[in-house]
Amino acid sequence: KKKKTIGKFAMILRKLSVFLLSSLIAALALADAPVYRFSPVNQWDISKTAAYWNPIIKYVSDKSGVRLELKIGRTSADTTAYVLTREVEFVFSNHLFSPEREKLGWKVFGRRWTPPLHGQIAVPADSPITRLEQLKGQEVVFAGPEAFVGYKLPYAQLLNQNIDVKVVFAGNQNAAFAQLFSGKAKAVGSNSALIDGYSTREGKKFRVLW
């Protein structure tokens, strides 16, 4: 009986050794693998952006065997600068929609599976402003000048209607919403998903003017 127990114990040790050796080999192989930098547009502040993307990056790295690391700047414009200067290998962005940037050679191989985004201009639900025309001469805050859906489309709408506003860039969308609800800006330009998400998360209500 004692010999059987010793034999079983030895077998467990052998299996454990094989497992540890396999794990060590896999870890060493991963350590030797190249690391690719991934820059998603940081629509929120740095900590929230990292909290959102790091689990996704880990999942993709584990599943594909391709090691990715997050590289973001302080603002969305800073992150886009990394992309334009080719300091990263992968990017999640809508900041490349221009003839000049098409020449940079970035190729699309995946899209987020969500409803379509819409550019929007919004005010707090209790704001006395109910029409775009009332924004003339007022401060309208945006995340940054690179945002295609969140800045370029809403601002183009204002220009098309000859509504001259004072443009303010907050650096990211959280900061833009904060300026709106603190009263520093009269309206915000953003995209539909971010406005809906902020409203749900923070309990803030918007009136969408456009």
N, C-alpha and C. Protein backbone atom coordinates (compact mmCIF):
# COMPACT_ATOMS: atom_id res chain seq x y z
N LYS A 1 0.83 -1.20 0.00
CA LYS A 1 0.00 0.00 0.00
C LYS A 1 0.87 1.26 0.00
N LYS A 2 1.92 1.19 0.82
CA LYS A 2 2.84 2.32 0.89
C LYS A 2 3.52 2.55 -0.45
N LYS A 3 3.90 1.43 -1.16
CA LYS A 3 4.55 1.56 -2.46
C LYS A 3 3.61 2.18 -3.49
N LYS A 4 2.31 1.79 -3.42
CA LYS A 4 1.32 2.36 -4.34
C LYS A 4 1.19 3.86 -4.14
N THR A 5 1.16 4.27 -2.87
CA THR A 5 1.04 5.70 -2.55
C THR A 5 2.24 6.47 -3.09
N ILE A 6 3.45 5.90 -2.88
CA ILE A 6 4.67 6.55 -3.37
C ILE A 6 4.66 6.63 -4.90
N GLY A 7 4.16 5.54 -5.55
CA GLY A 7 4.10 5.51 -7.01
C GLY A 7 3.15 6.58 -7.56
N LYS A 8 1.99 6.71 -6.92
CA LYS A 8 1.02 7.73 -7.35
C LYS A 8 1.60 9.13 -7.17
N PHE A 9 2.29 9.34 -6.04
CA PHE A 9 2.89 10.63 -5.77
C PHE A 9 3.95 10.98 -6.82
N ALA A 10 4.75 9.96 -7.18
CA ALA A 10 5.79 10.16 -8.20
C ALA A 10 5.17 10.50 -9.55
N MET A 11 4.06 9.84 -9.86
CA MET A 11 3.38 10.11 -11.14
C MET A 11 2.85 11.54 -11.19
N ILE A 12 2.28 11.97 -10.06
CA ILE A 12 1.77 13.36 -9.98
C ILE A 12 2.90 14.35 -10.17
N LEU A 13 4.05 14.05 -9.52
CA LEU A 13 5.21 14.95 -9.66
C LEU A 13 5.69 15.02 -11.09
N ARG A 14 5.71 13.86 -11.80
CA ARG A 14 6.16 13.84 -13.19
C ARG A 14 5.23 14.69 -14.06
N LYS A 15 3.90 14.53 -13.86
CA LYS A 15 2.93 15.31 -14.62
C LYS A 15 3.07 16.80 -14.34
N LEU A 16 3.28 17.10 -13.04
CA LEU A 16 3.45 18.50 -12.66
C LEU A 16 4.70 19.09 -13.29
N SER A 17 5.77 18.29 -13.32
CA SER A 17 7.03 18.76 -13.93
C SER A 17 6.85 19.05 -15.40
N VAL A 18 6.12 18.14 -16.10
CA VAL A 18 5.86 18.35 -17.53
C VAL A 18 5.04 19.62 -17.74
N PHE A 19 4.03 19.81 -16.87
CA PHE A 19 3.19 21.01 -16.98
C PHE A 19 4.00 22.28 -16.75
N LEU A 20 4.84 22.25 -15.69
CA LEU A 20 5.66 23.42 -15.38
C LEU A 20 6.65 23.71 -16.51
N LEU A 21 7.23 22.65 -17.06
CA LEU A 21 8.18 22.81 -18.16
C LEU A 21 7.48 23.40 -19.39
N SER A 22 6.28 22.89 -19.69
CA SER A 22 5.51 23.41 -20.83
C SER A 22 5.16 24.87 -20.61
N SER A 23 4.75 25.19 -19.38
CA SER A 23 4.40 26.58 -19.07
C SER A 23 5.60 27.49 -19.18
N LEU A 24 6.77 26.98 -18.72
CA LEU A 24 8.00 27.77 -18.80
C LEU A 24 8.40 28.01 -20.25
N ILE A 25 8.29 26.98 -21.08
CA ILE A 25 8.63 27.12 -22.50
C ILE A 25 7.70 28.14 -23.17
N ALA A 26 6.40 28.05 -22.84
CA ALA A 26 5.43 29.00 -23.41
C ALA A 26 5.74 30.41 -22.97
N ALA A 27 6.09 30.58 -21.68
CA ALA A 27 6.40 31.91 -21.15
C ALA A 27 7.65 32.48 -21.81
N LEU A 28 8.66 31.62 -22.01
CA LEU A 28 9.89 32.08 -22.66
C LEU A 28 9.64 32.45 -24.12
N ALA A 29 8.80 31.67 -24.77
CA ALA A 29 8.47 31.97 -26.17
C ALA A 29 7.74 33.30 -26.26
N LEU A 30 6.84 33.53 -25.30
CA LEU A 30 6.10 34.80 -25.28
C LEU A 30 7.02 35.97 -24.99
N ALA A 31 8.00 35.73 -24.09
CA ALA A 31 8.93 36.79 -23.74
C ALA A 31 9.78 37.19 -24.94
N ASP A 32 10.08 36.22 -25.81
CA ASP A 32 10.90 36.50 -26.99
C ASP A 32 10.09 37.08 -28.15
N ALA A 33 8.77 37.00 -28.07
CA ALA A 33 7.93 37.48 -29.16
C ALA A 33 7.98 39.01 -29.23
N PRO A 34 7.90 39.58 -30.43
CA PRO A 34 7.90 41.04 -30.54
C PRO A 34 6.64 41.65 -29.93
N VAL A 35 6.79 42.86 -29.44
CA VAL A 35 5.65 43.58 -28.85
C VAL A 35 5.19 44.65 -29.82
N TYR A 36 3.89 44.68 -30.12
CA TYR A 36 3.32 45.65 -31.04
C TYR A 36 2.51 46.67 -30.26
N ARG A 37 2.70 47.93 -30.60
CA ARG A 37 2.02 49.00 -29.88
C ARG A 37 0.65 49.28 -30.52
N PHE A 38 -0.33 49.45 -29.66
CA PHE A 38 -1.72 49.64 -30.08
C PHE A 38 -2.24 50.95 -29.51
N SER A 39 -2.73 51.82 -30.40
CA SER A 39 -3.24 53.12 -29.97
C SER A 39 -4.71 53.29 -30.34
N PRO A 40 -5.61 53.15 -29.38
CA PRO A 40 -7.00 53.50 -29.63
C PRO A 40 -7.20 54.98 -29.31
N VAL A 41 -8.12 55.62 -29.98
CA VAL A 41 -8.43 57.02 -29.66
C VAL A 41 -8.92 57.09 -28.21
N ASN A 42 -8.25 57.89 -27.39
CA ASN A 42 -8.69 57.99 -26.00
C ASN A 42 -9.81 59.02 -25.89
N GLN A 43 -11.03 58.51 -26.01
CA GLN A 43 -12.20 59.37 -25.93
C GLN A 43 -12.50 59.78 -24.50
N TRP A 44 -11.92 59.05 -23.54
CA TRP A 44 -12.07 59.41 -22.13
C TRP A 44 -10.70 59.83 -21.60
N ASP A 45 -10.60 60.05 -20.27
CA ASP A 45 -9.32 60.36 -19.67
C ASP A 45 -8.43 59.10 -19.71
N ILE A 46 -7.16 59.29 -19.38
CA ILE A 46 -6.18 58.21 -19.53
C ILE A 46 -6.55 56.98 -18.70
N SER A 47 -6.92 57.17 -17.44
CA SER A 47 -7.19 56.03 -16.58
C SER A 47 -8.40 55.23 -17.05
N LYS A 48 -9.45 55.91 -17.48
CA LYS A 48 -10.64 55.20 -17.96
C LYS A 48 -10.36 54.52 -19.29
N THR A 49 -9.59 55.18 -20.15
CA THR A 49 -9.22 54.56 -21.43
C THR A 49 -8.41 53.28 -21.20
N ALA A 50 -7.44 53.35 -20.28
CA ALA A 50 -6.62 52.17 -19.97
C ALA A 50 -7.47 51.06 -19.36
N ALA A 51 -8.38 51.43 -18.45
CA ALA A 51 -9.23 50.43 -17.80
C ALA A 51 -10.13 49.73 -18.81
N TYR A 52 -10.55 50.46 -19.84
CA TYR A 52 -11.41 49.86 -20.87
C TYR A 52 -10.62 48.96 -21.81
N TRP A 53 -9.44 49.43 -22.26
CA TRP A 53 -8.73 48.73 -23.33
C TRP A 53 -7.79 47.64 -22.85
N ASN A 54 -7.19 47.77 -21.68
CA ASN A 54 -6.20 46.76 -21.25
C ASN A 54 -6.75 45.34 -21.17
N PRO A 55 -7.97 45.13 -20.64
CA PRO A 55 -8.51 43.76 -20.67
C PRO A 55 -8.72 43.23 -22.09
N ILE A 56 -9.11 44.11 -23.01
CA ILE A 56 -9.30 43.71 -24.41
C ILE A 56 -7.95 43.33 -25.02
N ILE A 57 -6.94 44.14 -24.75
CA ILE A 57 -5.60 43.87 -25.28
C ILE A 57 -5.08 42.54 -24.74
N LYS A 58 -5.29 42.28 -23.46
CA LYS A 58 -4.84 41.01 -22.87
C LYS A 58 -5.57 39.83 -23.53
N TYR A 59 -6.86 39.96 -23.73
CA TYR A 59 -7.64 38.88 -24.34
C TYR A 59 -7.14 38.59 -25.76
N VAL A 60 -6.95 39.64 -26.55
CA VAL A 60 -6.48 39.48 -27.93
C VAL A 60 -5.07 38.87 -27.95
N SER A 61 -4.21 39.35 -27.06
CA SER A 61 -2.84 38.82 -27.00
C SER A 61 -2.84 37.35 -26.63
N ASP A 62 -3.66 36.99 -25.64
CA ASP A 62 -3.72 35.59 -25.20
C ASP A 62 -4.27 34.68 -26.30
N LYS A 63 -5.29 35.14 -27.01
CA LYS A 63 -5.93 34.32 -28.02
C LYS A 63 -5.11 34.20 -29.30
N SER A 64 -4.43 35.29 -29.66
CA SER A 64 -3.72 35.31 -30.94
C SER A 64 -2.24 34.96 -30.83
N GLY A 65 -1.68 35.14 -29.62
CA GLY A 65 -0.24 34.95 -29.46
C GLY A 65 0.56 36.15 -29.91
N VAL A 66 -0.13 37.21 -30.33
CA VAL A 66 0.52 38.46 -30.74
C VAL A 66 0.52 39.41 -29.55
N ARG A 67 1.69 39.78 -29.10
CA ARG A 67 1.80 40.63 -27.91
C ARG A 67 1.51 42.09 -28.26
N LEU A 68 0.53 42.65 -27.58
CA LEU A 68 0.16 44.05 -27.77
C LEU A 68 0.37 44.82 -26.48
N GLU A 69 0.70 46.09 -26.61
CA GLU A 69 0.74 46.96 -25.45
C GLU A 69 0.07 48.29 -25.79
N LEU A 70 -0.56 48.87 -24.81
CA LEU A 70 -1.31 50.11 -25.00
C LEU A 70 -0.37 51.30 -25.06
N LYS A 71 -0.58 52.17 -26.04
CA LYS A 71 0.19 53.41 -26.13
C LYS A 71 -0.79 54.55 -26.43
N ILE A 72 -1.03 55.40 -25.45
CA ILE A 72 -1.93 56.54 -25.63
C ILE A 72 -1.27 57.80 -25.10
N GLY A 73 -1.67 58.92 -25.67
CA GLY A 73 -1.18 60.21 -25.22
C GLY A 73 -2.11 60.82 -24.18
N ARG A 74 -1.77 62.01 -23.74
CA ARG A 74 -2.60 62.69 -22.73
C ARG A 74 -3.95 63.06 -23.29
N THR A 75 -3.98 63.43 -24.57
CA THR A 75 -5.23 63.79 -25.24
C THR A 75 -5.40 62.93 -26.50
N SER A 76 -6.58 62.99 -27.08
CA SER A 76 -6.82 62.23 -28.31
C SER A 76 -5.93 62.74 -29.45
N ALA A 77 -5.66 64.05 -29.46
CA ALA A 77 -4.77 64.60 -30.48
C ALA A 77 -3.35 64.07 -30.32
N ASP A 78 -2.89 63.91 -29.07
CA ASP A 78 -1.56 63.35 -28.82
C ASP A 78 -1.48 61.91 -29.33
N THR A 79 -2.53 61.14 -29.07
CA THR A 79 -2.56 59.75 -29.52
C THR A 79 -2.54 59.68 -31.04
N THR A 80 -3.32 60.55 -31.68
CA THR A 80 -3.34 60.57 -33.15
C THR A 80 -1.96 60.94 -33.71
N ALA A 81 -1.23 61.77 -32.99
CA ALA A 81 0.12 62.14 -33.43
C ALA A 81 1.02 60.90 -33.48
N TYR A 82 0.86 59.98 -32.52
CA TYR A 82 1.62 58.73 -32.55
C TYR A 82 1.31 57.95 -33.83
N VAL A 83 0.04 57.96 -34.21
CA VAL A 83 -0.38 57.22 -35.40
C VAL A 83 0.22 57.86 -36.66
N LEU A 84 0.15 59.17 -36.73
CA LEU A 84 0.62 59.87 -37.93
C LEU A 84 2.13 59.75 -38.11
N THR A 85 2.86 59.61 -37.01
CA THR A 85 4.32 59.48 -37.09
C THR A 85 4.77 58.02 -37.07
N ARG A 86 3.80 57.10 -37.17
CA ARG A 86 4.08 55.66 -37.23
C ARG A 86 4.85 55.15 -36.01
N GLU A 87 4.48 55.67 -34.83
CA GLU A 87 5.08 55.17 -33.60
C GLU A 87 4.34 53.96 -33.06
N VAL A 88 3.28 53.55 -33.74
CA VAL A 88 2.49 52.39 -33.32
C VAL A 88 2.22 51.51 -34.54
N GLU A 89 1.85 50.25 -34.26
CA GLU A 89 1.60 49.29 -35.34
C GLU A 89 0.12 49.03 -35.58
N PHE A 90 -0.70 49.19 -34.53
CA PHE A 90 -2.14 48.98 -34.64
C PHE A 90 -2.87 50.18 -34.06
N VAL A 91 -4.02 50.47 -34.63
CA VAL A 91 -4.76 51.66 -34.19
C VAL A 91 -6.25 51.40 -34.27
N PHE A 92 -6.99 51.99 -33.34
CA PHE A 92 -8.45 51.98 -33.38
C PHE A 92 -8.86 53.45 -33.41
N SER A 93 -9.35 53.90 -34.57
CA SER A 93 -9.52 55.35 -34.73
C SER A 93 -10.48 55.68 -35.85
N ASN A 94 -11.06 56.86 -35.78
CA ASN A 94 -11.77 57.42 -36.92
C ASN A 94 -11.14 58.78 -37.30
N HIS A 95 -9.87 58.91 -36.98
CA HIS A 95 -9.15 60.15 -37.25
C HIS A 95 -8.34 60.10 -38.54
N LEU A 96 -8.59 59.11 -39.37
CA LEU A 96 -7.80 58.95 -40.59
C LEU A 96 -8.62 59.17 -41.85
N PHE A 97 -9.80 59.78 -41.68
CA PHE A 97 -10.70 59.97 -42.82
C PHE A 97 -10.39 61.27 -43.56
N SER A 98 -9.31 61.28 -44.30
CA SER A 98 -8.98 62.43 -45.15
C SER A 98 -8.09 61.93 -46.27
N PRO A 99 -8.13 62.57 -47.44
CA PRO A 99 -7.29 62.13 -48.57
C PRO A 99 -5.80 62.08 -48.21
N GLU A 100 -5.34 63.07 -47.41
CA GLU A 100 -3.93 63.09 -47.06
C GLU A 100 -3.55 61.89 -46.20
N ARG A 101 -4.42 61.53 -45.28
CA ARG A 101 -4.09 60.44 -44.36
C ARG A 101 -4.30 59.07 -44.99
N GLU A 102 -5.11 59.00 -46.01
CA GLU A 102 -5.25 57.74 -46.74
C GLU A 102 -3.92 57.32 -47.36
N LYS A 103 -3.10 58.31 -47.69
CA LYS A 103 -1.80 58.03 -48.30
C LYS A 103 -0.81 57.40 -47.33
N LEU A 104 -1.13 57.42 -46.03
CA LEU A 104 -0.22 56.86 -45.04
C LEU A 104 -0.19 55.33 -45.09
N GLY A 105 -1.21 54.73 -45.73
CA GLY A 105 -1.17 53.30 -45.95
C GLY A 105 -1.80 52.43 -44.87
N TRP A 106 -2.52 53.00 -43.94
CA TRP A 106 -3.20 52.18 -42.93
C TRP A 106 -4.30 51.37 -43.60
N LYS A 107 -4.43 50.12 -43.20
CA LYS A 107 -5.45 49.22 -43.79
C LYS A 107 -6.45 48.80 -42.71
N VAL A 108 -7.71 48.83 -43.05
CA VAL A 108 -8.77 48.41 -42.13
C VAL A 108 -8.94 46.90 -42.20
N PHE A 109 -8.87 46.20 -41.05
CA PHE A 109 -9.11 44.76 -41.04
C PHE A 109 -10.20 44.38 -40.03
N GLY A 110 -10.75 45.34 -39.33
CA GLY A 110 -11.81 45.03 -38.38
C GLY A 110 -12.57 46.28 -37.98
N ARG A 111 -13.82 46.09 -37.63
CA ARG A 111 -14.66 47.19 -37.17
C ARG A 111 -15.42 46.76 -35.92
N ARG A 112 -15.74 47.72 -35.09
CA ARG A 112 -16.54 47.43 -33.90
C ARG A 112 -17.97 47.10 -34.32
N TRP A 113 -18.51 46.04 -33.75
CA TRP A 113 -19.85 45.58 -34.11
C TRP A 113 -20.88 46.26 -33.21
N THR A 114 -21.19 47.50 -33.53
CA THR A 114 -22.13 48.29 -32.75
C THR A 114 -23.01 49.08 -33.72
N PRO A 115 -24.09 49.68 -33.23
CA PRO A 115 -24.92 50.53 -34.09
C PRO A 115 -24.11 51.68 -34.66
N PRO A 116 -24.52 52.24 -35.80
CA PRO A 116 -23.80 53.37 -36.40
C PRO A 116 -23.74 54.57 -35.46
N LEU A 117 -22.65 55.32 -35.55
CA LEU A 117 -22.49 56.54 -34.76
C LEU A 117 -23.02 57.74 -35.53
N HIS A 118 -23.49 58.74 -34.78
CA HIS A 118 -23.95 59.98 -35.38
C HIS A 118 -23.31 61.15 -34.63
N GLY A 119 -22.85 62.15 -35.37
CA GLY A 119 -22.39 63.36 -34.73
C GLY A 119 -23.58 64.08 -34.12
N GLN A 120 -23.37 64.65 -32.94
CA GLN A 120 -24.47 65.35 -32.27
C GLN A 120 -23.99 66.63 -31.61
N ILE A 121 -24.89 67.57 -31.46
CA ILE A 121 -24.67 68.78 -30.68
C ILE A 121 -25.75 68.79 -29.61
N ALA A 122 -25.33 68.88 -28.36
CA ALA A 122 -26.29 68.74 -27.26
C ALA A 122 -26.05 69.77 -26.17
N VAL A 123 -27.08 70.00 -25.40
CA VAL A 123 -27.03 70.89 -24.23
C VAL A 123 -27.63 70.12 -23.06
N PRO A 124 -27.43 70.58 -21.82
CA PRO A 124 -28.12 69.93 -20.69
C PRO A 124 -29.63 69.99 -20.89
N ALA A 125 -30.33 69.00 -20.38
CA ALA A 125 -31.77 68.91 -20.60
C ALA A 125 -32.52 70.12 -20.05
N ASP A 126 -31.97 70.76 -19.01
CA ASP A 126 -32.64 71.92 -18.42
C ASP A 126 -32.13 73.25 -18.98
N SER A 127 -31.34 73.20 -20.04
CA SER A 127 -30.82 74.44 -20.65
C SER A 127 -31.95 75.22 -21.32
N PRO A 128 -31.89 76.56 -21.25
CA PRO A 128 -32.88 77.36 -21.97
C PRO A 128 -32.69 77.33 -23.49
N ILE A 129 -31.55 76.81 -23.94
CA ILE A 129 -31.26 76.74 -25.38
C ILE A 129 -31.99 75.55 -25.98
N THR A 130 -32.79 75.83 -27.00
CA THR A 130 -33.58 74.77 -27.64
C THR A 130 -33.32 74.67 -29.14
N ARG A 131 -32.56 75.64 -29.70
CA ARG A 131 -32.28 75.62 -31.13
C ARG A 131 -30.81 75.92 -31.38
N LEU A 132 -30.28 75.40 -32.47
CA LEU A 132 -28.88 75.64 -32.81
C LEU A 132 -28.58 77.13 -32.93
N GLU A 133 -29.52 77.90 -33.48
CA GLU A 133 -29.29 79.32 -33.72
C GLU A 133 -28.94 80.07 -32.43
N GLN A 134 -29.41 79.57 -31.30
CA GLN A 134 -29.16 80.23 -30.02
C GLN A 134 -27.72 80.05 -29.54
N LEU A 135 -26.95 79.22 -30.23
CA LEU A 135 -25.56 79.01 -29.85
C LEU A 135 -24.62 80.06 -30.46
N LYS A 136 -25.14 80.92 -31.28
CA LYS A 136 -24.30 81.93 -31.94
C LYS A 136 -23.56 82.77 -30.90
N GLY A 137 -22.23 82.81 -31.03
CA GLY A 137 -21.40 83.58 -30.12
C GLY A 137 -21.11 82.89 -28.80
N GLN A 138 -21.63 81.67 -28.61
CA GLN A 138 -21.45 80.95 -27.35
C GLN A 138 -20.30 79.94 -27.45
N GLU A 139 -19.82 79.50 -26.29
CA GLU A 139 -18.77 78.49 -26.27
C GLU A 139 -19.37 77.10 -26.45
N VAL A 140 -18.84 76.37 -27.42
CA VAL A 140 -19.23 74.98 -27.66
C VAL A 140 -17.97 74.13 -27.49
N VAL A 141 -18.04 73.13 -26.63
CA VAL A 141 -16.85 72.34 -26.29
C VAL A 141 -16.86 71.01 -27.04
N PHE A 142 -15.67 70.63 -27.48
CA PHE A 142 -15.45 69.36 -28.18
C PHE A 142 -14.27 68.65 -27.52
N ALA A 143 -14.15 67.35 -27.77
CA ALA A 143 -13.02 66.61 -27.20
C ALA A 143 -11.70 67.10 -27.79
N GLY A 144 -11.65 67.23 -29.12
CA GLY A 144 -10.41 67.65 -29.76
C GLY A 144 -10.61 67.85 -31.25
N PRO A 145 -9.65 68.49 -31.90
CA PRO A 145 -9.79 68.83 -33.32
C PRO A 145 -9.70 67.63 -34.27
N GLU A 146 -9.25 66.47 -33.76
CA GLU A 146 -9.08 65.30 -34.62
C GLU A 146 -10.34 64.45 -34.73
N ALA A 147 -11.29 64.67 -33.83
CA ALA A 147 -12.48 63.80 -33.77
C ALA A 147 -13.35 64.01 -35.02
N PHE A 148 -13.49 62.97 -35.82
CA PHE A 148 -14.24 63.07 -37.07
C PHE A 148 -15.74 63.19 -36.80
N VAL A 149 -16.30 62.21 -36.08
CA VAL A 149 -17.74 62.22 -35.80
C VAL A 149 -18.08 63.23 -34.71
N GLY A 150 -17.20 63.35 -33.71
CA GLY A 150 -17.49 64.19 -32.56
C GLY A 150 -17.19 65.67 -32.72
N TYR A 151 -16.36 66.03 -33.71
CA TYR A 151 -16.04 67.46 -33.92
C TYR A 151 -16.29 67.91 -35.35
N LYS A 152 -15.68 67.23 -36.31
CA LYS A 152 -15.72 67.74 -37.68
C LYS A 152 -17.14 67.76 -38.26
N LEU A 153 -17.92 66.74 -37.98
CA LEU A 153 -19.29 66.72 -38.51
C LEU A 153 -20.20 67.74 -37.80
N PRO A 154 -20.22 67.78 -36.46
CA PRO A 154 -21.05 68.81 -35.81
C PRO A 154 -20.62 70.23 -36.16
N TYR A 155 -19.32 70.47 -36.20
CA TYR A 155 -18.86 71.83 -36.51
C TYR A 155 -19.19 72.20 -37.95
N ALA A 156 -19.11 71.23 -38.84
CA ALA A 156 -19.51 71.50 -40.23
C ALA A 156 -20.98 71.90 -40.31
N GLN A 157 -21.81 71.27 -39.49
CA GLN A 157 -23.23 71.63 -39.46
C GLN A 157 -23.42 73.07 -39.00
N LEU A 158 -22.67 73.48 -37.99
CA LEU A 158 -22.75 74.86 -37.51
C LEU A 158 -22.30 75.83 -38.59
N LEU A 159 -21.22 75.50 -39.28
CA LEU A 159 -20.73 76.36 -40.36
C LEU A 159 -21.74 76.45 -41.49
N ASN A 160 -22.36 75.33 -41.84
CA ASN A 160 -23.35 75.32 -42.92
C ASN A 160 -24.55 76.21 -42.61
N GLN A 161 -24.85 76.35 -41.33
CA GLN A 161 -25.98 77.19 -40.94
C GLN A 161 -25.54 78.59 -40.55
N ASN A 162 -24.26 78.91 -40.81
CA ASN A 162 -23.71 80.23 -40.50
C ASN A 162 -23.87 80.59 -39.03
N ILE A 163 -23.65 79.61 -38.18
CA ILE A 163 -23.71 79.83 -36.73
C ILE A 163 -22.29 79.89 -36.21
N ASP A 164 -21.83 81.10 -35.92
CA ASP A 164 -20.45 81.31 -35.48
C ASP A 164 -20.37 81.07 -33.97
N VAL A 165 -19.60 80.06 -33.56
CA VAL A 165 -19.47 79.74 -32.14
C VAL A 165 -18.01 79.84 -31.72
N LYS A 166 -17.80 79.90 -30.41
CA LYS A 166 -16.45 79.88 -29.85
C LYS A 166 -16.09 78.42 -29.56
N VAL A 167 -15.17 77.88 -30.33
CA VAL A 167 -14.80 76.47 -30.20
C VAL A 167 -13.81 76.29 -29.05
N VAL A 168 -14.10 75.31 -28.19
CA VAL A 168 -13.22 74.97 -27.07
C VAL A 168 -12.88 73.48 -27.19
N PHE A 169 -11.60 73.15 -27.03
CA PHE A 169 -11.18 71.76 -27.03
C PHE A 169 -10.80 71.36 -25.60
N ALA A 170 -11.43 70.30 -25.11
CA ALA A 170 -11.22 69.89 -23.72
C ALA A 170 -10.14 68.83 -23.57
N GLY A 171 -9.75 68.17 -24.66
CA GLY A 171 -8.71 67.14 -24.59
C GLY A 171 -9.24 65.72 -24.65
N ASN A 172 -10.40 65.49 -24.05
CA ASN A 172 -11.08 64.20 -24.15
C ASN A 172 -12.56 64.43 -23.88
N GLN A 173 -13.36 63.40 -24.13
CA GLN A 173 -14.81 63.59 -24.06
C GLN A 173 -15.32 63.76 -22.63
N ASN A 174 -14.71 63.07 -21.67
CA ASN A 174 -15.12 63.26 -20.27
C ASN A 174 -14.95 64.70 -19.83
N ALA A 175 -13.81 65.28 -20.20
CA ALA A 175 -13.54 66.67 -19.84
C ALA A 175 -14.52 67.62 -20.53
N ALA A 176 -14.89 67.29 -21.77
CA ALA A 176 -15.85 68.12 -22.50
C ALA A 176 -17.21 68.09 -21.81
N PHE A 177 -17.66 66.90 -21.41
CA PHE A 177 -18.94 66.81 -20.70
C PHE A 177 -18.89 67.55 -19.37
N ALA A 178 -17.74 67.46 -18.69
CA ALA A 178 -17.59 68.16 -17.40
C ALA A 178 -17.72 69.66 -17.58
N GLN A 179 -17.13 70.19 -18.64
CA GLN A 179 -17.24 71.63 -18.90
C GLN A 179 -18.67 72.03 -19.22
N LEU A 180 -19.37 71.15 -19.94
CA LEU A 180 -20.76 71.44 -20.27
C LEU A 180 -21.61 71.53 -19.01
N PHE A 181 -21.52 70.53 -18.15
CA PHE A 181 -22.40 70.49 -16.98
C PHE A 181 -21.95 71.40 -15.84
N SER A 182 -20.73 71.93 -15.94
CA SER A 182 -20.30 72.93 -14.96
C SER A 182 -20.69 74.34 -15.39
N GLY A 183 -21.18 74.46 -16.63
CA GLY A 183 -21.60 75.76 -17.12
C GLY A 183 -20.52 76.53 -17.86
N LYS A 184 -19.33 75.95 -18.01
CA LYS A 184 -18.25 76.64 -18.72
C LYS A 184 -18.53 76.72 -20.21
N ALA A 185 -19.28 75.77 -20.74
CA ALA A 185 -19.66 75.78 -22.15
C ALA A 185 -21.17 75.63 -22.24
N LYS A 186 -21.75 76.20 -23.29
CA LYS A 186 -23.21 76.15 -23.44
C LYS A 186 -23.68 74.88 -24.14
N ALA A 187 -22.80 74.27 -24.93
CA ALA A 187 -23.17 73.07 -25.67
C ALA A 187 -21.93 72.20 -25.87
N VAL A 188 -22.17 70.95 -26.24
CA VAL A 188 -21.07 70.03 -26.49
C VAL A 188 -21.28 69.37 -27.84
N GLY A 189 -20.19 69.14 -28.54
CA GLY A 189 -20.23 68.34 -29.76
C GLY A 189 -19.63 66.98 -29.45
N SER A 190 -20.29 65.92 -29.87
CA SER A 190 -19.82 64.59 -29.55
C SER A 190 -20.44 63.60 -30.53
N ASN A 191 -20.35 62.32 -30.19
CA ASN A 191 -21.06 61.33 -31.00
C ASN A 191 -22.15 60.67 -30.16
N SER A 192 -23.10 60.07 -30.82
CA SER A 192 -24.29 59.55 -30.16
C SER A 192 -23.97 58.51 -29.10
N ALA A 193 -23.00 57.65 -29.36
CA ALA A 193 -22.67 56.59 -28.41
C ALA A 193 -22.09 57.15 -27.12
N LEU A 194 -21.23 58.16 -27.24
CA LEU A 194 -20.62 58.74 -26.05
C LEU A 194 -21.63 59.53 -25.23
N ILE A 195 -22.51 60.25 -25.90
CA ILE A 195 -23.55 60.99 -25.17
C ILE A 195 -24.48 60.03 -24.45
N ASP A 196 -24.92 58.99 -25.13
CA ASP A 196 -25.80 58.00 -24.50
C ASP A 196 -25.09 57.30 -23.34
N GLY A 197 -23.83 56.94 -23.56
CA GLY A 197 -23.07 56.25 -22.52
C GLY A 197 -22.87 57.11 -21.28
N TYR A 198 -22.53 58.38 -21.49
CA TYR A 198 -22.31 59.29 -20.36
C TYR A 198 -23.61 59.51 -19.60
N SER A 199 -24.70 59.65 -20.33
CA SER A 199 -26.01 59.85 -19.70
C SER A 199 -26.38 58.66 -18.83
N THR A 200 -26.14 57.45 -19.32
CA THR A 200 -26.45 56.24 -18.56
C THR A 200 -25.53 56.10 -17.35
N ARG A 201 -24.24 56.34 -17.57
CA ARG A 201 -23.25 56.13 -16.52
C ARG A 201 -23.34 57.18 -15.40
N GLU A 202 -23.53 58.42 -15.78
CA GLU A 202 -23.48 59.52 -14.81
C GLU A 202 -24.86 60.05 -14.41
N GLY A 203 -25.90 59.57 -15.08
CA GLY A 203 -27.25 60.04 -14.75
C GLY A 203 -27.53 61.46 -15.22
N LYS A 204 -26.77 61.94 -16.18
CA LYS A 204 -26.97 63.29 -16.71
C LYS A 204 -27.89 63.23 -17.93
N LYS A 205 -28.73 64.23 -18.06
CA LYS A 205 -29.69 64.26 -19.16
C LYS A 205 -29.30 65.34 -20.16
N PHE A 206 -29.40 64.99 -21.44
CA PHE A 206 -29.07 65.90 -22.54
C PHE A 206 -30.32 66.25 -23.34
N ARG A 207 -30.25 67.40 -23.97
CA ARG A 207 -31.19 67.74 -25.05
C ARG A 207 -30.37 67.82 -26.32
N VAL A 208 -30.63 66.96 -27.28
CA VAL A 208 -29.90 66.94 -28.53
C VAL A 208 -30.52 67.96 -29.47
N LEU A 209 -29.71 68.94 -29.89
CA LEU A 209 -30.18 69.98 -30.81
C LEU A 209 -30.03 69.57 -32.26
N TRP A 210 -29.04 68.70 -32.50
CA TRP A 210 -28.78 68.22 -33.87
C TRP A 210 -28.18 66.83 -33.83
